[in-house]
PDB file of all heavy atoms in Angstrom:
ATOM      1  N   ARG A   1      -0.488  17.899   0.723  1.00  0.00           N
ATOM      2  CA  ARG A   1       0.406  17.446   1.824  1.00  0.00           C
ATOM      3  C   ARG A   1      -0.274  17.715   3.134  1.00  0.00           C
ATOM      4  O   ARG A   1      -0.310  16.818   4.029  1.00  0.00           O
ATOM      5  CB  ARG A   1       1.721  18.182   1.743  1.00  0.00           C
ATOM      6  CG  ARG A   1       2.738  17.618   2.770  1.00  0.00           C
ATOM      7  CD  ARG A   1       4.139  18.181   2.520  1.00  0.00           C
ATOM      8  NE  ARG A   1       4.213  19.618   2.855  1.00  0.00           N
ATOM      9  CZ  ARG A   1       4.410  20.574   2.009  1.00  0.00           C
ATOM     10  NH1 ARG A   1       4.589  20.267   0.684  1.00  0.00           N
ATOM     11  NH2 ARG A   1       4.443  21.854   2.362  1.00  0.00           N
ATOM     12  N   THR A   2      -0.860  18.878   3.313  1.00  0.00           N
ATOM     13  CA  THR A   2      -1.574  19.194   4.572  1.00  0.00           C
ATOM     14  C   THR A   2      -2.805  18.285   4.756  1.00  0.00           C
ATOM     15  O   THR A   2      -3.058  17.811   5.885  1.00  0.00           O
ATOM     16  CB  THR A   2      -2.038  20.681   4.531  1.00  0.00           C
ATOM     17  OG1 THR A   2      -0.886  21.517   4.351  1.00  0.00           O
ATOM     18  CG2 THR A   2      -2.761  21.004   5.811  1.00  0.00           C
ATOM     19  N   LEU A   3      -3.504  18.052   3.657  1.00  0.00           N
ATOM     20  CA  LEU A   3      -4.689  17.200   3.772  1.00  0.00           C
ATOM     21  C   LEU A   3      -4.262  15.770   4.226  1.00  0.00           C
ATOM     22  O   LEU A   3      -4.934  15.169   5.068  1.00  0.00           O
ATOM     23  CB  LEU A   3      -5.393  17.134   2.394  1.00  0.00           C
ATOM     24  CG  LEU A   3      -6.620  16.285   2.296  1.00  0.00           C
ATOM     25  CD1 LEU A   3      -7.739  16.840   3.185  1.00  0.00           C
ATOM     26  CD2 LEU A   3      -7.104  16.159   0.846  1.00  0.00           C
ATOM     27  N   TYR A   4      -3.185  15.255   3.662  1.00  0.00           N
ATOM     28  CA  TYR A   4      -2.767  13.902   4.026  1.00  0.00           C
ATOM     29  C   TYR A   4      -2.305  13.887   5.493  1.00  0.00           C
ATOM     30  O   TYR A   4      -2.516  12.859   6.176  1.00  0.00           O
ATOM     31  CB  TYR A   4      -1.614  13.476   3.098  1.00  0.00           C
ATOM     32  CG  TYR A   4      -2.137  12.695   1.884  1.00  0.00           C
ATOM     33  CD1 TYR A   4      -2.947  13.312   0.928  1.00  0.00           C
ATOM     34  CD2 TYR A   4      -1.781  11.346   1.672  1.00  0.00           C
ATOM     35  CE1 TYR A   4      -3.469  12.629  -0.150  1.00  0.00           C
ATOM     36  CE2 TYR A   4      -2.245  10.662   0.563  1.00  0.00           C
ATOM     37  CZ  TYR A   4      -3.117  11.307  -0.335  1.00  0.00           C
ATOM     38  OH  TYR A   4      -3.559  10.617  -1.425  1.00  0.00           O
ATOM     39  N   GLN A   5      -1.672  14.940   5.947  1.00  0.00           N
ATOM     40  CA  GLN A   5      -1.244  14.973   7.337  1.00  0.00           C
ATOM     41  C   GLN A   5      -2.391  14.975   8.279  1.00  0.00           C
ATOM     42  O   GLN A   5      -2.308  14.544   9.432  1.00  0.00           O
ATOM     43  CB  GLN A   5      -0.398  16.286   7.548  1.00  0.00           C
ATOM     44  CG  GLN A   5       0.938  16.220   6.853  1.00  0.00           C
ATOM     45  CD  GLN A   5       1.706  17.559   6.922  1.00  0.00           C
ATOM     46  OE1 GLN A   5       1.100  18.598   7.279  1.00  0.00           O
ATOM     47  NE2 GLN A   5       2.949  17.529   6.555  1.00  0.00           N
ATOM     48  N   GLN A   6      -3.562  15.426   7.825  1.00  0.00           N
ATOM     49  CA  GLN A   6      -4.743  15.502   8.723  1.00  0.00           C
ATOM     50  C   GLN A   6      -5.701  14.303   8.516  1.00  0.00           C
ATOM     51  O   GLN A   6      -6.791  14.333   9.089  1.00  0.00           O
ATOM     52  CB  GLN A   6      -5.479  16.799   8.397  1.00  0.00           C
ATOM     53  CG  GLN A   6      -4.695  18.084   8.696  1.00  0.00           C
ATOM     54  CD  GLN A   6      -5.381  19.337   8.143  1.00  0.00           C
ATOM     55  OE1 GLN A   6      -6.365  19.304   7.417  1.00  0.00           O
ATOM     56  NE2 GLN A   6      -4.858  20.512   8.599  1.00  0.00           N
ATOM     57  N   THR A   7      -5.333  13.328   7.749  1.00  0.00           N
ATOM     58  CA  THR A   7      -6.223  12.208   7.458  1.00  0.00           C
ATOM     59  C   THR A   7      -5.562  10.897   7.872  1.00  0.00           C
ATOM     60  O   THR A   7      -4.928  10.235   7.025  1.00  0.00           O
ATOM     61  CB  THR A   7      -6.604  12.212   5.999  1.00  0.00           C
ATOM     62  OG1 THR A   7      -7.010  13.484   5.561  1.00  0.00           O
ATOM     63  CG2 THR A   7      -7.744  11.206   5.724  1.00  0.00           C
ATOM     64  N   PRO A   8      -5.698  10.479   9.119  1.00  0.00           N
ATOM     65  CA  PRO A   8      -5.039   9.225   9.533  1.00  0.00           C
ATOM     66  C   PRO A   8      -5.450   8.016   8.787  1.00  0.00           C
ATOM     67  O   PRO A   8      -4.659   7.058   8.635  1.00  0.00           O
ATOM     68  CB  PRO A   8      -5.397   9.159  11.018  1.00  0.00           C
ATOM     69  CG  PRO A   8      -5.708  10.541  11.452  1.00  0.00           C
ATOM     70  CD  PRO A   8      -6.285  11.190  10.237  1.00  0.00           C
ATOM     71  N   ALA A   9      -6.717   7.936   8.272  1.00  0.00           N
ATOM     72  CA  ALA A   9      -7.181   6.759   7.586  1.00  0.00           C
ATOM     73  C   ALA A   9      -6.321   6.503   6.334  1.00  0.00           C
ATOM     74  O   ALA A   9      -6.043   5.343   5.996  1.00  0.00           O
ATOM     75  CB  ALA A   9      -8.644   6.901   7.179  1.00  0.00           C
ATOM     76  N   ILE A  10      -5.884   7.576   5.695  1.00  0.00           N
ATOM     77  CA  ILE A  10      -5.035   7.385   4.492  1.00  0.00           C
ATOM     78  C   ILE A  10      -3.621   6.947   4.883  1.00  0.00           C
ATOM     79  O   ILE A  10      -2.929   6.281   4.115  1.00  0.00           O
ATOM     80  CB  ILE A  10      -5.034   8.669   3.613  1.00  0.00           C
ATOM     81  CG1 ILE A  10      -4.806   8.272   2.118  1.00  0.00           C
ATOM     82  CG2 ILE A  10      -3.988   9.638   4.096  1.00  0.00           C
ATOM     83  CD1 ILE A  10      -5.912   7.539   1.493  1.00  0.00           C
ATOM     84  N   TRP A  11      -3.216   7.306   6.118  1.00  0.00           N
ATOM     85  CA  TRP A  11      -1.926   6.758   6.572  1.00  0.00           C
ATOM     86  C   TRP A  11      -2.032   5.256   6.670  1.00  0.00           C
ATOM     87  O   TRP A  11      -1.067   4.540   6.232  1.00  0.00           O
ATOM     88  CB  TRP A  11      -1.620   7.289   7.968  1.00  0.00           C
ATOM     89  CG  TRP A  11      -1.618   8.763   8.147  1.00  0.00           C
ATOM     90  CD1 TRP A  11      -1.717   9.717   7.221  1.00  0.00           C
ATOM     91  CD2 TRP A  11      -1.468   9.433   9.421  1.00  0.00           C
ATOM     92  NE1 TRP A  11      -1.671  10.977   7.806  1.00  0.00           N
ATOM     93  CE2 TRP A  11      -1.509  10.835   9.122  1.00  0.00           C
ATOM     94  CE3 TRP A  11      -1.346   9.069  10.736  1.00  0.00           C
ATOM     95  CZ2 TRP A  11      -1.442  11.788  10.132  1.00  0.00           C
ATOM     96  CZ3 TRP A  11      -1.246   9.992  11.740  1.00  0.00           C
ATOM     97  CH2 TRP A  11      -1.297  11.351  11.438  1.00  0.00           C
ATOM     98  N   LEU A  12      -3.113   4.751   7.223  1.00  0.00           N
ATOM     99  CA  LEU A  12      -3.315   3.292   7.335  1.00  0.00           C
ATOM    100  C   LEU A  12      -3.272   2.625   5.988  1.00  0.00           C
ATOM    101  O   LEU A  12      -2.638   1.605   5.758  1.00  0.00           O
ATOM    102  CB  LEU A  12      -4.611   3.004   8.129  1.00  0.00           C
ATOM    103  CG  LEU A  12      -4.974   1.510   8.235  1.00  0.00           C
ATOM    104  CD1 LEU A  12      -3.808   0.736   8.925  1.00  0.00           C
ATOM    105  CD2 LEU A  12      -6.250   1.337   8.979  1.00  0.00           C
ATOM    106  N   ALA A  13      -3.974   3.200   5.033  1.00  0.00           N
ATOM    107  CA  ALA A  13      -4.019   2.621   3.672  1.00  0.00           C
ATOM    108  C   ALA A  13      -2.630   2.549   3.102  1.00  0.00           C
ATOM    109  O   ALA A  13      -2.265   1.518   2.507  1.00  0.00           O
ATOM    110  CB  ALA A  13      -4.954   3.448   2.742  1.00  0.00           C
ATOM    111  N   LEU A  14      -1.858   3.581   3.240  1.00  0.00           N
ATOM    112  CA  LEU A  14      -0.541   3.629   2.635  1.00  0.00           C
ATOM    113  C   LEU A  14       0.423   2.688   3.370  1.00  0.00           C
ATOM    114  O   LEU A  14       1.306   2.046   2.738  1.00  0.00           O
ATOM    115  CB  LEU A  14       0.028   5.056   2.624  1.00  0.00           C
ATOM    116  CG  LEU A  14      -0.636   6.005   1.601  1.00  0.00           C
ATOM    117  CD1 LEU A  14      -0.181   7.450   1.838  1.00  0.00           C
ATOM    118  CD2 LEU A  14      -0.388   5.530   0.182  1.00  0.00           C
ATOM    119  N   LEU A  15       0.288   2.611   4.698  1.00  0.00           N
ATOM    120  CA  LEU A  15       1.127   1.653   5.423  1.00  0.00           C
ATOM    121  C   LEU A  15       0.825   0.217   5.055  1.00  0.00           C
ATOM    122  O   LEU A  15       1.729  -0.592   4.889  1.00  0.00           O
ATOM    123  CB  LEU A  15       0.972   1.857   6.962  1.00  0.00           C
ATOM    124  CG  LEU A  15       1.643   3.141   7.477  1.00  0.00           C
ATOM    125  CD1 LEU A  15       1.151   3.398   8.953  1.00  0.00           C
ATOM    126  CD2 LEU A  15       3.128   2.926   7.486  1.00  0.00           C
ATOM    127  N   LEU A  16      -0.474  -0.087   4.924  1.00  0.00           N
ATOM    128  CA  LEU A  16      -0.828  -1.471   4.533  1.00  0.00           C
ATOM    129  C   LEU A  16      -0.311  -1.773   3.121  1.00  0.00           C
ATOM    130  O   LEU A  16       0.218  -2.853   2.843  1.00  0.00           O
ATOM    131  CB  LEU A  16      -2.387  -1.618   4.531  1.00  0.00           C
ATOM    132  CG  LEU A  16      -3.001  -1.583   5.936  1.00  0.00           C
ATOM    133  CD1 LEU A  16      -4.526  -1.550   5.853  1.00  0.00           C
ATOM    134  CD2 LEU A  16      -2.540  -2.742   6.794  1.00  0.00           C
ATOM    135  N   ALA A  17      -0.442  -0.781   2.189  1.00  0.00           N
ATOM    136  CA  ALA A  17       0.091  -0.971   0.852  1.00  0.00           C
ATOM    137  C   ALA A  17       1.622  -1.202   0.907  1.00  0.00           C
ATOM    138  O   ALA A  17       2.133  -2.107   0.187  1.00  0.00           O
ATOM    139  CB  ALA A  17      -0.259   0.204  -0.017  1.00  0.00           C
ATOM    140  N   ALA A  18       2.313  -0.390   1.690  1.00  0.00           N
ATOM    141  CA  ALA A  18       3.766  -0.464   1.720  1.00  0.00           C
ATOM    142  C   ALA A  18       4.257  -1.821   2.246  1.00  0.00           C
ATOM    143  O   ALA A  18       5.130  -2.456   1.610  1.00  0.00           O
ATOM    144  CB  ALA A  18       4.332   0.667   2.577  1.00  0.00           C
ATOM    145  N   PHE A  19       3.693  -2.234   3.364  1.00  0.00           N
ATOM    146  CA  PHE A  19       4.110  -3.525   3.910  1.00  0.00           C
ATOM    147  C   PHE A  19       3.658  -4.696   3.104  1.00  0.00           C
ATOM    148  O   PHE A  19       4.354  -5.769   3.061  1.00  0.00           O
ATOM    149  CB  PHE A  19       3.620  -3.616   5.397  1.00  0.00           C
ATOM    150  CG  PHE A  19       4.457  -2.858   6.337  1.00  0.00           C
ATOM    151  CD1 PHE A  19       3.977  -1.654   6.870  1.00  0.00           C
ATOM    152  CD2 PHE A  19       5.694  -3.305   6.741  1.00  0.00           C
ATOM    153  CE1 PHE A  19       4.723  -0.883   7.717  1.00  0.00           C
ATOM    154  CE2 PHE A  19       6.447  -2.524   7.636  1.00  0.00           C
ATOM    155  CZ  PHE A  19       5.994  -1.359   8.143  1.00  0.00           C
ATOM    156  N   ALA A  20       2.529  -4.594   2.385  1.00  0.00           N
ATOM    157  CA  ALA A  20       2.077  -5.621   1.476  1.00  0.00           C
ATOM    158  C   ALA A  20       3.038  -5.780   0.294  1.00  0.00           C
ATOM    159  O   ALA A  20       2.938  -6.805  -0.383  1.00  0.00           O
ATOM    160  CB  ALA A  20       0.656  -5.342   1.031  1.00  0.00           C
ATOM    161  N   CYS A  21       3.881  -4.833   0.055  1.00  0.00           N
ATOM    162  CA  CYS A  21       4.827  -4.945  -1.044  1.00  0.00           C
ATOM    163  C   CYS A  21       6.035  -5.814  -0.694  1.00  0.00           C
ATOM    164  O   CYS A  21       6.820  -6.155  -1.615  1.00  0.00           O
ATOM    165  CB  CYS A  21       5.326  -3.528  -1.486  1.00  0.00           C
ATOM    166  SG  CYS A  21       4.086  -2.570  -2.409  1.00  0.00           S
ATOM    167  N   VAL A  22       6.247  -6.068   0.569  1.00  0.00           N
ATOM    168  CA  VAL A  22       7.463  -6.767   1.029  1.00  0.00           C
ATOM    169  C   VAL A  22       7.596  -8.122   0.302  1.00  0.00           C
ATOM    170  O   VAL A  22       8.710  -8.513  -0.113  1.00  0.00           O
ATOM    171  CB  VAL A  22       7.395  -6.977   2.522  1.00  0.00           C
ATOM    172  CG1 VAL A  22       8.560  -7.869   3.009  1.00  0.00           C
ATOM    173  CG2 VAL A  22       7.544  -5.585   3.217  1.00  0.00           C
ATOM    174  N   PRO A  23       6.489  -8.924   0.108  1.00  0.00           N
ATOM    175  CA  PRO A  23       6.680 -10.193  -0.626  1.00  0.00           C
ATOM    176  C   PRO A  23       7.241 -10.036  -2.043  1.00  0.00           C
ATOM    177  O   PRO A  23       7.811 -11.011  -2.597  1.00  0.00           O
ATOM    178  CB  PRO A  23       5.235 -10.782  -0.650  1.00  0.00           C
ATOM    179  CG  PRO A  23       4.538 -10.203   0.484  1.00  0.00           C
ATOM    180  CD  PRO A  23       5.130  -8.805   0.636  1.00  0.00           C
ATOM    181  N   MET A  24       7.160  -8.844  -2.572  1.00  0.00           N
ATOM    182  CA  MET A  24       7.690  -8.595  -3.914  1.00  0.00           C
ATOM    183  C   MET A  24       9.196  -8.728  -3.896  1.00  0.00           C
ATOM    184  O   MET A  24       9.854  -8.883  -5.006  1.00  0.00           O
ATOM    185  CB  MET A  24       7.311  -7.205  -4.423  1.00  0.00           C
ATOM    186  CG  MET A  24       5.864  -6.920  -4.536  1.00  0.00           C
ATOM    187  SD  MET A  24       5.059  -7.901  -5.854  1.00  0.00           S
ATOM    188  CE  MET A  24       5.787  -7.145  -7.289  1.00  0.00           C
ATOM    189  N   LEU A  25       9.844  -8.694  -2.739  1.00  0.00           N
ATOM    190  CA  LEU A  25      11.316  -8.860  -2.662  1.00  0.00           C
ATOM    191  C   LEU A  25      11.647 -10.348  -2.994  1.00  0.00           C
ATOM    192  O   LEU A  25      12.801 -10.635  -3.400  1.00  0.00           O
ATOM    193  CB  LEU A  25      11.804  -8.552  -1.278  1.00  0.00           C
ATOM    194  CG  LEU A  25      11.605  -7.064  -0.852  1.00  0.00           C
ATOM    195  CD1 LEU A  25      12.033  -6.878   0.581  1.00  0.00           C
ATOM    196  CD2 LEU A  25      12.433  -6.178  -1.766  1.00  0.00           C
ATOM    197  N   LYS A  26      10.687 -11.281  -2.831  1.00  0.00           N
ATOM    198  CA  LYS A  26      10.891 -12.628  -3.148  1.00  0.00           C
ATOM    199  C   LYS A  26      10.604 -12.951  -4.604  1.00  0.00           C
ATOM    200  O   LYS A  26      11.439 -13.619  -5.301  1.00  0.00           O
ATOM    201  CB  LYS A  26       9.992 -13.546  -2.292  1.00  0.00           C
ATOM    202  CG  LYS A  26      10.382 -13.572  -0.815  1.00  0.00           C
ATOM    203  CD  LYS A  26      11.428 -14.604  -0.564  1.00  0.00           C
ATOM    204  CE  LYS A  26      11.700 -14.881   0.939  1.00  0.00           C
ATOM    205  NZ  LYS A  26      12.659 -15.912   1.193  1.00  0.00           N
ATOM    206  N   THR A  27       9.519 -12.496  -5.128  1.00  0.00           N
ATOM    207  CA  THR A  27       9.117 -12.723  -6.503  1.00  0.00           C
ATOM    208  C   THR A  27       8.240 -11.610  -6.984  1.00  0.00           C
ATOM    209  O   THR A  27       7.525 -11.027  -6.145  1.00  0.00           O
ATOM    210  CB  THR A  27       8.450 -14.091  -6.689  1.00  0.00           C
ATOM    211  OG1 THR A  27       8.124 -14.270  -8.066  1.00  0.00           O
ATOM    212  CG2 THR A  27       7.174 -14.197  -5.862  1.00  0.00           C
ATOM    213  N   GLN A  28       8.256 -11.363  -8.275  1.00  0.00           N
ATOM    214  CA  GLN A  28       7.506 -10.184  -8.776  1.00  0.00           C
ATOM    215  C   GLN A  28       6.357 -10.526  -9.656  1.00  0.00           C
ATOM    216  O   GLN A  28       5.981  -9.763 -10.572  1.00  0.00           O
ATOM    217  CB  GLN A  28       8.454  -9.227  -9.512  1.00  0.00           C
ATOM    218  CG  GLN A  28       9.615  -8.692  -8.646  1.00  0.00           C
ATOM    219  CD  GLN A  28      10.696  -9.684  -8.370  1.00  0.00           C
ATOM    220  OE1 GLN A  28      11.117 -10.378  -9.295  1.00  0.00           O
ATOM    221  NE2 GLN A  28      11.159  -9.721  -7.154  1.00  0.00           N
ATOM    222  N   ALA A  29       5.780 -11.721  -9.480  1.00  0.00           N
ATOM    223  CA  ALA A  29       4.544 -12.021 -10.195  1.00  0.00           C
ATOM    224  C   ALA A  29       3.505 -10.994  -9.876  1.00  0.00           C
ATOM    225  O   ALA A  29       3.356 -10.545  -8.742  1.00  0.00           O
ATOM    226  CB  ALA A  29       4.091 -13.448  -9.824  1.00  0.00           C
ATOM    227  N   SER A  30       2.749 -10.596 -10.897  1.00  0.00           N
ATOM    228  CA  SER A  30       1.814  -9.432 -10.708  1.00  0.00           C
ATOM    229  C   SER A  30       0.773  -9.677  -9.609  1.00  0.00           C
ATOM    230  O   SER A  30       0.337  -8.728  -8.945  1.00  0.00           O
ATOM    231  CB  SER A  30       1.182  -9.058 -12.016  1.00  0.00           C
ATOM    232  OG  SER A  30       0.437 -10.090 -12.583  1.00  0.00           O
ATOM    233  N   HIS A  31       0.346 -10.917  -9.429  1.00  0.00           N
ATOM    234  CA  HIS A  31      -0.719 -11.119  -8.419  1.00  0.00           C
ATOM    235  C   HIS A  31      -0.180 -10.941  -6.970  1.00  0.00           C
ATOM    236  O   HIS A  31      -0.866 -10.648  -6.060  1.00  0.00           O
ATOM    237  CB  HIS A  31      -1.326 -12.544  -8.546  1.00  0.00           C
ATOM    238  CG  HIS A  31      -0.389 -13.646  -8.337  1.00  0.00           C
ATOM    239  ND1 HIS A  31       0.340 -14.241  -9.350  1.00  0.00           N
ATOM    240  CD2 HIS A  31      -0.068 -14.359  -7.204  1.00  0.00           C
ATOM    241  CE1 HIS A  31       1.030 -15.222  -8.878  1.00  0.00           C
ATOM    242  NE2 HIS A  31       0.837 -15.335  -7.563  1.00  0.00           N
ATOM    243  N   TYR A  32       1.169 -10.994  -6.821  1.00  0.00           N
ATOM    244  CA  TYR A  32       1.735 -10.674  -5.501  1.00  0.00           C
ATOM    245  C   TYR A  32       1.533  -9.240  -5.139  1.00  0.00           C
ATOM    246  O   TYR A  32       1.583  -8.863  -3.960  1.00  0.00           O
ATOM    247  CB  TYR A  32       3.242 -11.025  -5.507  1.00  0.00           C
ATOM    248  CG  TYR A  32       3.591 -12.474  -5.163  1.00  0.00           C
ATOM    249  CD1 TYR A  32       3.190 -13.478  -5.949  1.00  0.00           C
ATOM    250  CD2 TYR A  32       4.308 -12.712  -3.984  1.00  0.00           C
ATOM    251  CE1 TYR A  32       3.506 -14.756  -5.652  1.00  0.00           C
ATOM    252  CE2 TYR A  32       4.595 -14.019  -3.653  1.00  0.00           C
ATOM    253  CZ  TYR A  32       4.223 -15.062  -4.486  1.00  0.00           C
ATOM    254  OH  TYR A  32       4.499 -16.321  -4.129  1.00  0.00           O
ATOM    255  N   PHE A  33       1.390  -8.345  -6.155  1.00  0.00           N
ATOM    256  CA  PHE A  33       1.219  -6.930  -5.948  1.00  0.00           C
ATOM    257  C   PHE A  33      -0.229  -6.580  -5.666  1.00  0.00           C
ATOM    258  O   PHE A  33      -0.512  -5.480  -5.182  1.00  0.00           O
ATOM    259  CB  PHE A  33       1.700  -6.194  -7.184  1.00  0.00           C
ATOM    260  CG  PHE A  33       1.832  -4.706  -6.969  1.00  0.00           C
ATOM    261  CD1 PHE A  33       2.708  -4.203  -6.041  1.00  0.00           C
ATOM    262  CD2 PHE A  33       1.163  -3.842  -7.762  1.00  0.00           C
ATOM    263  CE1 PHE A  33       2.853  -2.796  -5.864  1.00  0.00           C
ATOM    264  CE2 PHE A  33       1.263  -2.427  -7.599  1.00  0.00           C
ATOM    265  CZ  PHE A  33       2.144  -1.967  -6.675  1.00  0.00           C
ATOM    266  N   PHE A  34      -1.165  -7.457  -5.895  1.00  0.00           N
ATOM    267  CA  PHE A  34      -2.571  -7.097  -5.789  1.00  0.00           C
ATOM    268  C   PHE A  34      -2.978  -6.723  -4.388  1.00  0.00           C
ATOM    269  O   PHE A  34      -3.748  -5.762  -4.213  1.00  0.00           O
ATOM    270  CB  PHE A  34      -3.435  -8.304  -6.253  1.00  0.00           C
ATOM    271  CG  PHE A  34      -4.908  -7.964  -6.344  1.00  0.00           C
ATOM    272  CD1 PHE A  34      -5.356  -7.144  -7.315  1.00  0.00           C
ATOM    273  CD2 PHE A  34      -5.803  -8.491  -5.379  1.00  0.00           C
ATOM    274  CE1 PHE A  34      -6.759  -6.860  -7.434  1.00  0.00           C
ATOM    275  CE2 PHE A  34      -7.130  -8.166  -5.459  1.00  0.00           C
ATOM    276  CZ  PHE A  34      -7.621  -7.359  -6.508  1.00  0.00           C
ATOM    277  N   GLN A  35      -2.436  -7.362  -3.382  1.00  0.00           N
ATOM    278  CA  GLN A  35      -2.839  -7.055  -2.010  1.00  0.00           C
ATOM    279  C   GLN A  35      -2.319  -5.641  -1.616  1.00  0.00           C
ATOM    280  O   GLN A  35      -2.931  -5.019  -0.686  1.00  0.00           O
ATOM    281  CB  GLN A  35      -2.317  -8.081  -1.045  1.00  0.00           C
ATOM    282  CG  GLN A  35      -0.810  -8.179  -1.031  1.00  0.00           C
ATOM    283  CD  GLN A  35      -0.297  -9.364  -0.271  1.00  0.00           C
ATOM    284  OE1 GLN A  35      -1.031 -10.347  -0.082  1.00  0.00           O
ATOM    285  NE2 GLN A  35       0.937  -9.359   0.178  1.00  0.00           N
ATOM    286  N   ALA A  36      -1.286  -5.168  -2.272  1.00  0.00           N
ATOM    287  CA  ALA A  36      -0.863  -3.792  -2.080  1.00  0.00           C
ATOM    288  C   ALA A  36      -1.640  -2.843  -2.927  1.00  0.00           C
ATOM    289  O   ALA A  36      -2.048  -1.755  -2.553  1.00  0.00           O
ATOM    290  CB  ALA A  36       0.628  -3.647  -2.319  1.00  0.00           C
ATOM    291  N   ALA A  37      -1.945  -3.302  -4.169  1.00  0.00           N
ATOM    292  CA  ALA A  37      -2.623  -2.458  -5.190  1.00  0.00           C
ATOM    293  C   ALA A  37      -3.983  -1.987  -4.743  1.00  0.00           C
ATOM    294  O   ALA A  37      -4.376  -0.824  -4.983  1.00  0.00           O
ATOM    295  CB  ALA A  37      -2.720  -3.188  -6.493  1.00  0.00           C
ATOM    296  N   VAL A  38      -4.718  -2.835  -4.008  1.00  0.00           N
ATOM    297  CA  VAL A  38      -6.098  -2.401  -3.563  1.00  0.00           C
ATOM    298  C   VAL A  38      -6.022  -1.198  -2.649  1.00  0.00           C
ATOM    299  O   VAL A  38      -6.905  -0.341  -2.698  1.00  0.00           O
ATOM    300  CB  VAL A  38      -6.813  -3.587  -2.919  1.00  0.00           C
ATOM    301  CG1 VAL A  38      -7.110  -4.672  -3.917  1.00  0.00           C
ATOM    302  CG2 VAL A  38      -6.090  -4.083  -1.692  1.00  0.00           C
ATOM    303  N   PHE A  39      -4.928  -1.098  -1.879  1.00  0.00           N
ATOM    304  CA  PHE A  39      -4.816   0.081  -1.008  1.00  0.00           C
ATOM    305  C   PHE A  39      -4.156   1.240  -1.726  1.00  0.00           C
ATOM    306  O   PHE A  39      -4.481   2.432  -1.444  1.00  0.00           O
ATOM    307  CB  PHE A  39      -4.051  -0.275   0.257  1.00  0.00           C
ATOM    308  CG  PHE A  39      -4.852  -1.094   1.222  1.00  0.00           C
ATOM    309  CD1 PHE A  39      -4.631  -2.473   1.310  1.00  0.00           C
ATOM    310  CD2 PHE A  39      -5.821  -0.563   1.988  1.00  0.00           C
ATOM    311  CE1 PHE A  39      -5.388  -3.247   2.175  1.00  0.00           C
ATOM    312  CE2 PHE A  39      -6.601  -1.287   2.878  1.00  0.00           C
ATOM    313  CZ  PHE A  39      -6.380  -2.672   2.924  1.00  0.00           C
ATOM    314  N   PHE A  40      -3.317   0.985  -2.687  1.00  0.00           N
ATOM    315  CA  PHE A  40      -2.858   2.068  -3.530  1.00  0.00           C
ATOM    316  C   PHE A  40      -3.961   2.662  -4.370  1.00  0.00           C
ATOM    317  O   PHE A  40      -3.991   3.868  -4.593  1.00  0.00           O
ATOM    318  CB  PHE A  40      -1.747   1.572  -4.499  1.00  0.00           C
ATOM    319  CG  PHE A  40      -0.393   1.423  -3.868  1.00  0.00           C
ATOM    320  CD1 PHE A  40       0.368   0.283  -3.981  1.00  0.00           C
ATOM    321  CD2 PHE A  40       0.136   2.486  -3.126  1.00  0.00           C
ATOM    322  CE1 PHE A  40       1.594   0.141  -3.406  1.00  0.00           C
ATOM    323  CE2 PHE A  40       1.415   2.370  -2.525  1.00  0.00           C
ATOM    324  CZ  PHE A  40       2.129   1.213  -2.651  1.00  0.00           C
ATOM    325  N   CYS A  41      -4.912   1.843  -4.777  1.00  0.00           N
ATOM    326  CA  CYS A  41      -6.078   2.330  -5.493  1.00  0.00           C
ATOM    327  C   CYS A  41      -6.932   3.257  -4.603  1.00  0.00           C
ATOM    328  O   CYS A  41      -7.430   4.273  -5.063  1.00  0.00           O
ATOM    329  CB  CYS A  41      -6.899   1.155  -6.000  1.00  0.00           C
ATOM    330  SG  CYS A  41      -6.211   0.309  -7.430  1.00  0.00           S
ATOM    331  N   LEU A  42      -7.067   2.871  -3.348  1.00  0.00           N
ATOM    332  CA  LEU A  42      -7.790   3.698  -2.375  1.00  0.00           C
ATOM    333  C   LEU A  42      -7.086   5.086  -2.266  1.00  0.00           C
ATOM    334  O   LEU A  42      -7.789   6.097  -2.246  1.00  0.00           O
ATOM    335  CB  LEU A  42      -7.848   2.947  -1.044  1.00  0.00           C
ATOM    336  CG  LEU A  42      -8.908   3.433  -0.074  1.00  0.00           C
ATOM    337  CD1 LEU A  42      -9.248   2.268   0.859  1.00  0.00           C
ATOM    338  CD2 LEU A  42      -8.438   4.633   0.716  1.00  0.00           C
TER     339      LEU A  42
END
């Protein structure tokens, strides 16, 4: 938790992943998740 608090780059990755999940509210085809998954993988 402390490490994440001190690493802004990972904040950006998680924020990009989170907002990239918004289209999943429309449809849940797995390729819609890919643009979020690449940052979740990071």
